[in-house]
Protein backbone atom coordinates (compact mmCIF):
# COMPACT_ATOMS: atom_id res chain seq x y z
CA UNK A 1 8.35 -10.65 -6.00
CA UNK A 2 8.89 -13.22 -3.26
CA UNK A 3 10.44 -10.65 -0.90
CA UNK A 4 7.56 -8.24 -1.50
CA UNK A 5 5.02 -10.98 -0.92
CA UNK A 6 6.59 -12.12 2.34
CA UNK A 7 6.85 -8.51 3.50
CA UNK A 8 3.19 -7.83 2.69
CA UNK A 9 2.06 -11.01 4.48
CA UNK A 10 4.09 -9.99 7.54
CA UNK A 11 2.60 -6.49 7.46
CA UNK A 12 -0.92 -7.88 7.13
CA UNK A 13 -0.47 -10.30 10.02
CA UNK A 14 1.10 -7.63 12.19
CA UNK A 15 -1.75 -5.22 11.57
CA UNK A 16 -4.32 -8.01 12.02
CA UNK A 17 -3.03 -9.02 15.44
CA UNK A 18 -1.97 -5.53 16.54
CA UNK A 19 -5.05 -3.56 15.57
CA UNK A 20 -4.15 -0.68 17.88
CA UNK A 21 -1.26 0.28 15.59
CA UNK A 22 -0.99 3.93 14.88
CA UNK A 23 -0.92 5.56 11.49
CA UNK A 24 2.76 6.35 11.97
CA UNK A 25 3.62 2.68 12.32
CA UNK A 26 1.62 1.80 9.21
CA UNK A 27 3.44 4.56 7.28
CA UNK A 28 6.74 3.13 8.49
CA UNK A 29 5.76 -0.27 7.08
CA UNK A 30 4.74 1.36 3.80
CA UNK A 31 8.16 3.05 3.73
CA UNK A 32 9.93 -0.27 4.21
CA UNK A 33 7.85 -1.85 1.46
CA UNK A 34 8.55 1.07 -0.87
CA UNK A 35 12.27 0.84 -0.15
CA UNK A 36 12.35 -2.91 -0.89
CA UNK A 37 10.25 -2.48 -4.02
CA UNK A 38 12.49 0.36 -5.23
CA UNK A 39 15.59 -1.75 -4.61
CA UNK A 40 14.06 -4.56 -6.67
CA UNK A 41 13.37 -2.21 -9.57
CA UNK A 42 16.83 -0.70 -9.34
CA UNK A 43 18.38 -4.16 -9.43
CA UNK A 44 16.24 -5.16 -12.43
CA UNK A 45 17.19 -1.98 -14.29
CA UNK A 46 20.90 -2.54 -13.70
CA UNK A 47 20.88 -6.30 -14.28
CA UNK A 48 18.91 -6.31 -17.55
CA UNK A 49 19.91 -2.97 -19.07
CA UNK A 50 21.40 -4.69 -22.14
CA UNK A 51 18.31 -6.79 -22.83
CA UNK A 52 15.44 -4.42 -22.18
CA UNK A 53 14.50 -1.15 -23.84
CA UNK A 54 12.68 0.04 -20.72
CA UNK A 55 15.57 -0.36 -18.29
CA UNK A 56 15.71 3.42 -17.76
CA UNK A 57 12.14 3.26 -16.48
CA UNK A 58 13.09 0.56 -14.00
CA UNK A 59 16.06 2.61 -12.83
CA UNK A 60 13.90 5.70 -12.39
CA UNK A 61 11.18 3.79 -10.55
CA UNK A 62 13.82 2.20 -8.35
CA UNK A 63 15.41 5.51 -7.40
CA UNK A 64 12.04 7.14 -6.67
CA UNK A 65 10.93 4.10 -4.68
CA UNK A 66 14.03 4.23 -2.51
CA UNK A 67 13.62 7.98 -1.98
CA UNK A 68 9.97 7.47 -1.04
CA UNK A 69 10.92 4.69 1.35
CA UNK A 70 13.52 6.86 3.06
CA UNK A 71 11.00 9.69 3.28
CA UNK A 72 8.36 7.55 4.98
CA UNK A 73 10.90 5.96 7.34
CA UNK A 74 12.30 9.41 8.13
CA UNK A 75 8.80 10.57 9.08
CA UNK A 76 8.64 7.69 11.54
CA UNK A 77 12.00 8.43 13.14
CA UNK A 78 11.40 12.14 13.68
């Protein structure tokens, strides 16, 4: 949660002070956020799989978040 919060604050400040940012750059930042958020969910699903009944949901959300992050970052690079 802390990593996501710091990342969102950085994105907000960057967009606030660089208001001429293009949509592609904003999508790149969304991709980075999605990748980090997916990695967090993947870690939670692996770490607490013995204690939680919904760990499969965390694993699935983590994998899809990472795929979505790579997709958005790939759009930025090409």
